[in-house]
């Protein structure tokens, strides 16, 4: 069963593994990945409106994940990556 949490988890992993890519390009590449995998892997579970993803939840209701949701998650992941980099730099200097 596909849930919003599963999609957002995939997006956060995709964002974390993308290196020095802008927010716009990261979101576009993720939706492009889902479009390509939609037919074979996900059995046409998604529909797309721009960079928004439309799917059916467990109750067969139509749900949509907006570009804005992806944008907020991207910002959070980038902050985590920057904190990790700054923390590692500080630890090397302090050692």
PDB file of N, CA and C in Angstrom:
ATOM      1  N   UNK A   1       0.848  -1.178   0.000  1.00  0.00           N
ATOM      2  CA  UNK A   1       0.000   0.000   0.000  1.00  0.00           C
ATOM      3  C   UNK A   1       0.893   1.241   0.000  1.00  0.00           C
ATOM      4  N   UNK A   2       0.551   2.177  -0.815  1.00  0.00           N
ATOM      5  CA  UNK A   2       1.319   3.412  -0.921  1.00  0.00           C
ATOM      6  C   UNK A   2       0.710   4.458  -0.004  1.00  0.00           C
ATOM      7  N   UNK A   3       1.559   5.058   0.809  1.00  0.00           N
ATOM      8  CA  UNK A   3       1.116   6.117   1.706  1.00  0.00           C
ATOM      9  C   UNK A   3       1.963   7.356   1.468  1.00  0.00           C
ATOM     10  N   UNK A   4       1.481   8.466   1.974  1.00  0.00           N
ATOM     11  CA  UNK A   4       2.228   9.718   1.848  1.00  0.00           C
ATOM     12  C   UNK A   4       3.583   9.595   2.534  1.00  0.00           C
ATOM     13  N   UNK A   5       3.588   8.919   3.654  1.00  0.00           N
ATOM     14  CA  UNK A   5       4.841   8.750   4.398  1.00  0.00           C
ATOM     15  C   UNK A   5       5.873   7.987   3.575  1.00  0.00           C
ATOM     16  N   UNK A   6       5.447   6.956   2.845  1.00  0.00           N
ATOM     17  CA  UNK A   6       6.372   6.196   2.001  1.00  0.00           C
ATOM     18  C   UNK A   6       6.959   7.066   0.898  1.00  0.00           C
ATOM     19  N   UNK A   7       6.123   7.855   0.266  1.00  0.00           N
ATOM     20  CA  UNK A   7       6.588   8.718  -0.818  1.00  0.00           C
ATOM     21  C   UNK A   7       7.561   9.755  -0.282  1.00  0.00           C
ATOM     22  N   UNK A   8       7.227  10.359   0.849  1.00  0.00           N
ATOM     23  CA  UNK A   8       8.105  11.382   1.416  1.00  0.00           C
ATOM     24  C   UNK A   8       9.410  10.777   1.928  1.00  0.00           C
ATOM     25  N   UNK A   9       9.384   9.540   2.393  1.00  0.00           N
ATOM     26  CA  UNK A   9      10.617   8.864   2.798  1.00  0.00           C
ATOM     27  C   UNK A   9      11.512   8.627   1.590  1.00  0.00           C
ATOM     28  N   UNK A  10      10.937   8.169   0.494  1.00  0.00           N
ATOM     29  CA  UNK A  10      11.716   8.006  -0.736  1.00  0.00           C
ATOM     30  C   UNK A  10      12.317   9.335  -1.180  1.00  0.00           C
ATOM     31  N   UNK A  11      11.532  10.402  -1.084  1.00  0.00           N
ATOM     32  CA  UNK A  11      12.036  11.708  -1.489  1.00  0.00           C
ATOM     33  C   UNK A  11      13.177  12.164  -0.587  1.00  0.00           C
ATOM     34  N   UNK A  12      13.064  11.945   0.718  1.00  0.00           N
ATOM     35  CA  UNK A  12      14.129  12.392   1.611  1.00  0.00           C
ATOM     36  C   UNK A  12      15.416  11.602   1.369  1.00  0.00           C
ATOM     37  N   UNK A  13      15.311  10.316   1.069  1.00  0.00           N
ATOM     38  CA  UNK A  13      16.505   9.540   0.724  1.00  0.00           C
ATOM     39  C   UNK A  13      17.103  10.056  -0.574  1.00  0.00           C
ATOM     40  N   UNK A  14      16.264  10.315  -1.558  1.00  0.00           N
ATOM     41  CA  UNK A  14      16.724  10.855  -2.838  1.00  0.00           C
ATOM     42  C   UNK A  14      17.426  12.198  -2.632  1.00  0.00           C
ATOM     43  N   UNK A  15      16.860  13.045  -1.793  1.00  0.00           N
ATOM     44  CA  UNK A  15      17.453  14.354  -1.520  1.00  0.00           C
ATOM     45  C   UNK A  15      18.782  14.209  -0.804  1.00  0.00           C
ATOM     46  N   UNK A  16      18.844  13.326   0.173  1.00  0.00           N
ATOM     47  CA  UNK A  16      20.078  13.154   0.936  1.00  0.00           C
ATOM     48  C   UNK A  16      21.206  12.651   0.044  1.00  0.00           C
ATOM     49  N   UNK A  17      20.882  11.795  -0.918  1.00  0.00           N
ATOM     50  CA  UNK A  17      21.910  11.243  -1.795  1.00  0.00           C
ATOM     51  C   UNK A  17      22.273  12.169  -2.948  1.00  0.00           C
ATOM     52  N   UNK A  18      21.439  13.146  -3.253  1.00  0.00           N
ATOM     53  CA  UNK A  18      21.784  14.090  -4.317  1.00  0.00           C
ATOM     54  C   UNK A  18      22.848  15.040  -3.780  1.00  0.00           C
ATOM     55  N   UNK A  19      23.806  15.360  -4.608  1.00  0.00           N
ATOM     56  CA  UNK A  19      24.958  16.133  -4.155  1.00  0.00           C
ATOM     57  C   UNK A  19      25.042  17.438  -4.934  1.00  0.00           C
ATOM     58  N   UNK A  20      24.976  18.553  -4.233  1.00  0.00           N
ATOM     59  CA  UNK A  20      25.086  19.889  -4.827  1.00  0.00           C
ATOM     60  C   UNK A  20      24.103  20.108  -5.976  1.00  0.00           C
ATOM     61  N   UNK A  21      22.884  19.697  -5.783  1.00  0.00           N
ATOM     62  CA  UNK A  21      21.842  19.905  -6.782  1.00  0.00           C
ATOM     63  C   UNK A  21      20.822  20.862  -6.184  1.00  0.00           C
ATOM     64  N   UNK A  22      20.304  21.752  -7.000  1.00  0.00           N
ATOM     65  CA  UNK A  22      19.351  22.742  -6.497  1.00  0.00           C
ATOM     66  C   UNK A  22      18.033  22.075  -6.098  1.00  0.00           C
ATOM     67  N   UNK A  23      17.250  22.823  -5.347  1.00  0.00           N
ATOM     68  CA  UNK A  23      15.951  22.319  -4.884  1.00  0.00           C
ATOM     69  C   UNK A  23      15.055  21.962  -6.067  1.00  0.00           C
ATOM     70  N   UNK A  24      14.993  22.857  -7.034  1.00  0.00           N
ATOM     71  CA  UNK A  24      14.128  22.650  -8.193  1.00  0.00           C
ATOM     72  C   UNK A  24      14.534  21.391  -8.965  1.00  0.00           C
ATOM     73  N   UNK A  25      15.824  21.227  -9.199  1.00  0.00           N
ATOM     74  CA  UNK A  25      16.301  20.063  -9.950  1.00  0.00           C
ATOM     75  C   UNK A  25      16.109  18.764  -9.172  1.00  0.00           C
ATOM     76  N   UNK A  26      16.268  18.819  -7.848  1.00  0.00           N
ATOM     77  CA  UNK A  26      16.072  17.618  -7.028  1.00  0.00           C
ATOM     78  C   UNK A  26      14.622  17.156  -7.088  1.00  0.00           C
ATOM     79  N   UNK A  27      13.688  18.087  -6.946  1.00  0.00           N
ATOM     80  CA  UNK A  27      12.263  17.737  -6.986  1.00  0.00           C
ATOM     81  C   UNK A  27      11.873  17.231  -8.371  1.00  0.00           C
ATOM     82  N   UNK A  28      12.376  17.889  -9.412  1.00  0.00           N
ATOM     83  CA  UNK A  28      12.070  17.442 -10.772  1.00  0.00           C
ATOM     84  C   UNK A  28      12.633  16.052 -11.045  1.00  0.00           C
ATOM     85  N   UNK A  29      13.850  15.794 -10.582  1.00  0.00           N
ATOM     86  CA  UNK A  29      14.442  14.475 -10.840  1.00  0.00           C
ATOM     87  C   UNK A  29      13.700  13.381 -10.077  1.00  0.00           C
ATOM     88  N   UNK A  30      13.195  13.695  -8.874  1.00  0.00           N
ATOM     89  CA  UNK A  30      12.427  12.701  -8.122  1.00  0.00           C
ATOM     90  C   UNK A  30      11.107  12.388  -8.821  1.00  0.00           C
ATOM     91  N   UNK A  31      10.396  13.415  -9.276  1.00  0.00           N
ATOM     92  CA  UNK A  31       9.135  13.150  -9.980  1.00  0.00           C
ATOM     93  C   UNK A  31       9.400  12.419 -11.296  1.00  0.00           C
ATOM     94  N   UNK A  32      10.515  12.738 -11.938  1.00  0.00           N
ATOM     95  CA  UNK A  32      10.883  12.026 -13.164  1.00  0.00           C
ATOM     96  C   UNK A  32      11.162  10.550 -12.861  1.00  0.00           C
ATOM     97  N   UNK A  33      11.848  10.291 -11.748  1.00  0.00           N
ATOM     98  CA  UNK A  33      12.099   8.907 -11.320  1.00  0.00           C
ATOM     99  C   UNK A  33      10.782   8.167 -11.091  1.00  0.00           C
ATOM    100  N   UNK A  34       9.834   8.805 -10.389  1.00  0.00           N
ATOM    101  CA  UNK A  34       8.547   8.142 -10.131  1.00  0.00           C
ATOM    102  C   UNK A  34       7.762   7.924 -11.419  1.00  0.00           C
ATOM    103  N   UNK A  35       7.841   8.871 -12.351  1.00  0.00           N
ATOM    104  CA  UNK A  35       7.144   8.690 -13.627  1.00  0.00           C
ATOM    105  C   UNK A  35       7.681   7.476 -14.365  1.00  0.00           C
ATOM    106  N   UNK A  36       9.008   7.332 -14.362  1.00  0.00           N
ATOM    107  CA  UNK A  36       9.613   6.193 -15.063  1.00  0.00           C
ATOM    108  C   UNK A  36       9.301   4.872 -14.372  1.00  0.00           C
ATOM    109  N   UNK A  37       9.287   4.868 -13.049  1.00  0.00           N
ATOM    110  CA  UNK A  37       9.042   3.632 -12.303  1.00  0.00           C
ATOM    111  C   UNK A  37       7.556   3.357 -12.104  1.00  0.00           C
ATOM    112  N   UNK A  38       6.694   4.295 -12.450  1.00  0.00           N
ATOM    113  CA  UNK A  38       5.263   4.188 -12.170  1.00  0.00           C
ATOM    114  C   UNK A  38       4.624   2.979 -12.846  1.00  0.00           C
ATOM    115  N   UNK A  39       4.918   2.767 -14.100  1.00  0.00           N
ATOM    116  CA  UNK A  39       4.246   1.702 -14.843  1.00  0.00           C
ATOM    117  C   UNK A  39       4.698   0.316 -14.390  1.00  0.00           C
ATOM    118  N   UNK A  40       5.999   0.107 -14.316  1.00  0.00           N
ATOM    119  CA  UNK A  40       6.514  -1.229 -14.015  1.00  0.00           C
ATOM    120  C   UNK A  40       6.491  -1.542 -12.523  1.00  0.00           C
ATOM    121  N   UNK A  41       7.050  -0.655 -11.725  1.00  0.00           N
ATOM    122  CA  UNK A  41       7.230  -0.949 -10.307  1.00  0.00           C
ATOM    123  C   UNK A  41       5.974  -0.699  -9.494  1.00  0.00           C
ATOM    124  N   UNK A  42       5.335   0.440  -9.712  1.00  0.00           N
ATOM    125  CA  UNK A  42       4.218   0.842  -8.863  1.00  0.00           C
ATOM    126  C   UNK A  42       2.851   0.569  -9.481  1.00  0.00           C
ATOM    127  N   UNK A  43       2.809  -0.075 -10.639  1.00  0.00           N
ATOM    128  CA  UNK A  43       1.554  -0.478 -11.271  1.00  0.00           C
ATOM    129  C   UNK A  43       0.610   0.710 -11.470  1.00  0.00           C
ATOM    130  N   UNK A  44       1.150   1.791 -12.008  1.00  0.00           N
ATOM    131  CA  UNK A  44       0.394   3.021 -12.296  1.00  0.00           C
ATOM    132  C   UNK A  44      -0.344   3.561 -11.075  1.00  0.00           C
ATOM    133  N   UNK A  45       0.323   3.558  -9.941  1.00  0.00           N
ATOM    134  CA  UNK A  45      -0.291   4.027  -8.701  1.00  0.00           C
ATOM    135  C   UNK A  45      -0.312   5.547  -8.592  1.00  0.00           C
ATOM    136  N   UNK A  46       0.479   6.221  -9.397  1.00  0.00           N
ATOM    137  CA  UNK A  46       0.588   7.676  -9.298  1.00  0.00           C
ATOM    138  C   UNK A  46       0.067   8.357 -10.546  1.00  0.00           C
ATOM    139  N   UNK A  47      -0.409   9.572 -10.333  1.00  0.00           N
ATOM    140  CA  UNK A  47      -0.694  10.492 -11.420  1.00  0.00           C
ATOM    141  C   UNK A  47       0.078  11.760 -11.102  1.00  0.00           C
ATOM    142  N   UNK A  48       0.357  12.542 -12.108  1.00  0.00           N
ATOM    143  CA  UNK A  48       1.202  13.714 -11.903  1.00  0.00           C
ATOM    144  C   UNK A  48       0.532  14.962 -12.447  1.00  0.00           C
ATOM    145  N   UNK A  49       0.666  16.026 -11.700  1.00  0.00           N
ATOM    146  CA  UNK A  49       0.231  17.352 -12.137  1.00  0.00           C
ATOM    147  C   UNK A  49       1.404  18.282 -11.874  1.00  0.00           C
ATOM    148  N   UNK A  50       2.205  18.524 -12.900  1.00  0.00           N
ATOM    149  CA  UNK A  50       3.436  19.275 -12.701  1.00  0.00           C
ATOM    150  C   UNK A  50       4.372  18.452 -11.838  1.00  0.00           C
ATOM    151  N   UNK A  51       4.800  19.017 -10.722  1.00  0.00           N
ATOM    152  CA  UNK A  51       5.634  18.267  -9.766  1.00  0.00           C
ATOM    153  C   UNK A  51       4.813  17.771  -8.586  1.00  0.00           C
ATOM    154  N   UNK A  52       3.496  17.881  -8.648  1.00  0.00           N
ATOM    155  CA  UNK A  52       2.632  17.333  -7.602  1.00  0.00           C
ATOM    156  C   UNK A  52       2.336  15.871  -7.923  1.00  0.00           C
ATOM    157  N   UNK A  53       2.246  15.056  -6.881  1.00  0.00           N
ATOM    158  CA  UNK A  53       1.981  13.632  -7.053  1.00  0.00           C
ATOM    159  C   UNK A  53       0.598  13.322  -6.490  1.00  0.00           C
ATOM    160  N   UNK A  54      -0.232  12.674  -7.285  1.00  0.00           N
ATOM    161  CA  UNK A  54      -1.593  12.322  -6.892  1.00  0.00           C
ATOM    162  C   UNK A  54      -1.662  10.797  -6.784  1.00  0.00           C
ATOM    163  N   UNK A  55      -2.253  10.315  -5.695  1.00  0.00           N
ATOM    164  CA  UNK A  55      -2.339   8.874  -5.462  1.00  0.00           C
ATOM    165  C   UNK A  55      -3.603   8.570  -4.667  1.00  0.00           C
ATOM    166  N   UNK A  56      -3.943   7.296  -4.558  1.00  0.00           N
ATOM    167  CA  UNK A  56      -5.075   6.842  -3.747  1.00  0.00           C
ATOM    168  C   UNK A  56      -4.542   6.271  -2.443  1.00  0.00           C
ATOM    169  N   UNK A  57      -5.144   6.670  -1.318  1.00  0.00           N
ATOM    170  CA  UNK A  57      -4.723   6.121  -0.024  1.00  0.00           C
ATOM    171  C   UNK A  57      -5.491   4.834   0.276  1.00  0.00           C
ATOM    172  N   UNK A  58      -5.344   4.326   1.507  1.00  0.00           N
ATOM    173  CA  UNK A  58      -5.983   3.058   1.888  1.00  0.00           C
ATOM    174  C   UNK A  58      -7.497   3.103   1.757  1.00  0.00           C
ATOM    175  N   UNK A  59      -8.071   4.259   2.040  1.00  0.00           N
ATOM    176  CA  UNK A  59      -9.528   4.404   1.985  1.00  0.00           C
ATOM    177  C   UNK A  59     -10.014   4.748   0.584  1.00  0.00           C
ATOM    178  N   UNK A  60      -9.111   4.646  -0.389  1.00  0.00           N
ATOM    179  CA  UNK A  60      -9.411   4.949  -1.795  1.00  0.00           C
ATOM    180  C   UNK A  60      -9.759   6.411  -2.010  1.00  0.00           C
ATOM    181  N   UNK A  61      -9.292   7.274  -1.126  1.00  0.00           N
ATOM    182  CA  UNK A  61      -9.455   8.714  -1.307  1.00  0.00           C
ATOM    183  C   UNK A  61      -8.294   9.224  -2.149  1.00  0.00           C
ATOM    184  N   UNK A  62      -8.565  10.231  -2.944  1.00  0.00           N
ATOM    185  CA  UNK A  62      -7.511  10.818  -3.761  1.00  0.00           C
ATOM    186  C   UNK A  62      -6.749  11.826  -2.915  1.00  0.00           C
ATOM    187  N   UNK A  63      -5.441  11.622  -2.814  1.00  0.00           N
ATOM    188  CA  UNK A  63      -4.569  12.510  -2.048  1.00  0.00           C
ATOM    189  C   UNK A  63      -3.526  13.093  -2.981  1.00  0.00           C
ATOM    190  N   UNK A  64      -3.037  14.269  -2.621  1.00  0.00           N
ATOM    191  CA  UNK A  64      -2.035  14.935  -3.440  1.00  0.00           C
ATOM    192  C   UNK A  64      -0.913  15.444  -2.551  1.00  0.00           C
ATOM    193  N   UNK A  65       0.315  15.214  -2.989  1.00  0.00           N
ATOM    194  CA  UNK A  65       1.484  15.758  -2.307  1.00  0.00           C
ATOM    195  C   UNK A  65       2.001  16.889  -3.181  1.00  0.00           C
ATOM    196  N   UNK A  66       2.077  18.066  -2.602  1.00  0.00           N
ATOM    197  CA  UNK A  66       2.408  19.246  -3.393  1.00  0.00           C
ATOM    198  C   UNK A  66       3.910  19.480  -3.468  1.00  0.00           C
ATOM    199  N   UNK A  67       4.283  20.325  -4.398  1.00  0.00           N
ATOM    200  CA  UNK A  67       5.665  20.752  -4.556  1.00  0.00           C
ATOM    201  C   UNK A  67       6.140  21.419  -3.280  1.00  0.00           C
ATOM    202  N   UNK A  68       5.260  22.133  -2.604  1.00  0.00           N
ATOM    203  CA  UNK A  68       5.620  22.831  -1.372  1.00  0.00           C
ATOM    204  C   UNK A  68       6.044  21.845  -0.281  1.00  0.00           C
ATOM    205  N   UNK A  69       5.387  20.712  -0.178  1.00  0.00           N
ATOM    206  CA  UNK A  69       5.783  19.688   0.800  1.00  0.00           C
ATOM    207  C   UNK A  69       7.183  19.170   0.502  1.00  0.00           C
ATOM    208  N   UNK A  70       7.453  18.902  -0.771  1.00  0.00           N
ATOM    209  CA  UNK A  70       8.797  18.466  -1.152  1.00  0.00           C
ATOM    210  C   UNK A  70       9.822  19.553  -0.847  1.00  0.00           C
ATOM    211  N   UNK A  71       9.436  20.792  -1.067  1.00  0.00           N
ATOM    212  CA  UNK A  71      10.343  21.913  -0.821  1.00  0.00           C
ATOM    213  C   UNK A  71      10.730  22.004   0.651  1.00  0.00           C
ATOM    214  N   UNK A  72       9.751  21.856   1.546  1.00  0.00           N
ATOM    215  CA  UNK A  72      10.050  21.914   2.988  1.00  0.00           C
ATOM    216  C   UNK A  72      10.949  20.762   3.414  1.00  0.00           C
ATOM    217  N   UNK A  73      10.708  19.576   2.900  1.00  0.00           N
ATOM    218  CA  UNK A  73      11.545  18.429   3.252  1.00  0.00           C
ATOM    219  C   UNK A  73      12.956  18.622   2.716  1.00  0.00           C
ATOM    220  N   UNK A  74      13.064  19.151   1.500  1.00  0.00           N
ATOM    221  CA  UNK A  74      14.387  19.432   0.934  1.00  0.00           C
ATOM    222  C   UNK A  74      15.165  20.374   1.848  1.00  0.00           C
ATOM    223  N   UNK A  75      14.508  21.440   2.311  1.00  0.00           N
ATOM    224  CA  UNK A  75      15.181  22.395   3.194  1.00  0.00           C
ATOM    225  C   UNK A  75      15.641  21.732   4.488  1.00  0.00           C
ATOM    226  N   UNK A  76      14.811  20.869   5.059  1.00  0.00           N
ATOM    227  CA  UNK A  76      15.191  20.169   6.290  1.00  0.00           C
ATOM    228  C   UNK A  76      16.385  19.245   6.065  1.00  0.00           C
ATOM    229  N   UNK A  77      16.388  18.514   4.967  1.00  0.00           N
ATOM    230  CA  UNK A  77      17.490  17.590   4.683  1.00  0.00           C
ATOM    231  C   UNK A  77      18.782  18.359   4.449  1.00  0.00           C
ATOM    232  N   UNK A  78      18.703  19.477   3.744  1.00  0.00           N
ATOM    233  CA  UNK A  78      19.903  20.284   3.497  1.00  0.00           C
ATOM    234  C   UNK A  78      20.456  20.824   4.811  1.00  0.00           C
ATOM    235  N   UNK A  79      19.589  21.239   5.722  1.00  0.00           N
ATOM    236  CA  UNK A  79      20.053  21.708   7.033  1.00  0.00           C
ATOM    237  C   UNK A  79      20.764  20.594   7.787  1.00  0.00           C
ATOM    238  N   UNK A  80      20.242  19.378   7.715  1.00  0.00           N
ATOM    239  CA  UNK A  80      20.885  18.241   8.377  1.00  0.00           C
ATOM    240  C   UNK A  80      22.261  17.985   7.771  1.00  0.00           C
ATOM    241  N   UNK A  81      22.344  18.023   6.435  1.00  0.00           N
ATOM    242  CA  UNK A  81      23.628  17.794   5.777  1.00  0.00           C
ATOM    243  C   UNK A  81      24.630  18.886   6.134  1.00  0.00           C
ATOM    244  N   UNK A  82      24.178  20.154   6.180  1.00  0.00           N
ATOM    245  CA  UNK A  82      25.078  21.249   6.533  1.00  0.00           C
ATOM    246  C   UNK A  82      25.535  21.128   7.980  1.00  0.00           C
ATOM    247  N   UNK A  83      24.644  20.743   8.874  1.00  0.00           N
ATOM    248  CA  UNK A  83      25.017  20.566  10.273  1.00  0.00           C
ATOM    249  C   UNK A  83      26.060  19.463  10.404  1.00  0.00           C
ATOM    250  N   UNK A  84      25.849  18.374   9.694  1.00  0.00           N
ATOM    251  CA  UNK A  84      26.799  17.262   9.752  1.00  0.00           C
ATOM    252  C   UNK A  84      28.164  17.695   9.240  1.00  0.00           C
ATOM    253  N   UNK A  85      28.190  18.438   8.133  1.00  0.00           N
ATOM    254  CA  UNK A  85      29.450  18.916   7.577  1.00  0.00           C
ATOM    255  C   UNK A  85      30.141  19.864   8.540  1.00  0.00           C
ATOM    256  N   UNK A  86      29.399  20.811   9.098  1.00  0.00           N
ATOM    257  CA  UNK A  86      29.985  21.762  10.040  1.00  0.00           C
ATOM    258  C   UNK A  86      30.465  21.061  11.301  1.00  0.00           C
ATOM    259  N   UNK A  87      29.722  20.076  11.772  1.00  0.00           N
ATOM    260  CA  UNK A  87      30.105  19.335  12.966  1.00  0.00           C
ATOM    261  C   UNK A  87      31.380  18.534  12.724  1.00  0.00           C
ATOM    262  N   UNK A  88      31.483  17.894  11.565  1.00  0.00           N
ATOM    263  CA  UNK A  88      32.694  17.138  11.234  1.00  0.00           C
ATOM    264  C   UNK A  88      33.898  18.061  11.122  1.00  0.00           C
ATOM    265  N   UNK A  89      33.706  19.244  10.534  1.00  0.00           N
ATOM    266  CA  UNK A  89      34.794  20.212  10.418  1.00  0.00           C
ATOM    267  C   UNK A  89      35.240  20.673  11.796  1.00  0.00           C
ATOM    268  N   UNK A  90      34.293  20.958  12.669  1.00  0.00           N
ATOM    269  CA  UNK A  90      34.625  21.387  14.027  1.00  0.00           C
ATOM    270  C   UNK A  90      35.379  20.293  14.779  1.00  0.00           C
ATOM    271  N   UNK A  91      34.941  19.043  14.624  1.00  0.00           N
ATOM    272  CA  UNK A  91      35.614  17.934  15.303  1.00  0.00           C
ATOM    273  C   UNK A  91      37.049  17.756  14.814  1.00  0.00           C
ATOM    274  N   UNK A  92      37.284  17.966  13.516  1.00  0.00           N
ATOM    275  CA  UNK A  92      38.646  17.852  12.983  1.00  0.00           C
ATOM    276  C   UNK A  92      39.530  18.974  13.511  1.00  0.00           C
ATOM    277  N   UNK A  93      38.972  20.184  13.597  1.00  0.00           N
ATOM    278  CA  UNK A  93      39.750  21.322  14.094  1.00  0.00           C
ATOM    279  C   UNK A  93      40.031  21.149  15.583  1.00  0.00           C
ATOM    280  N   UNK A  94      39.066  20.672  16.328  1.00  0.00           N
ATOM    281  CA  UNK A  94      39.214  20.523  17.775  1.00  0.00           C
ATOM    282  C   UNK A  94      40.154  19.377  18.140  1.00  0.00           C
ATOM    283  N   UNK A  95      40.292  18.403  17.261  1.00  0.00           N
ATOM    284  CA  UNK A  95      41.116  17.227  17.591  1.00  0.00           C
ATOM    285  C   UNK A  95      42.578  17.469  17.444  1.00  0.00           C
TER     286      UNK A  95
END
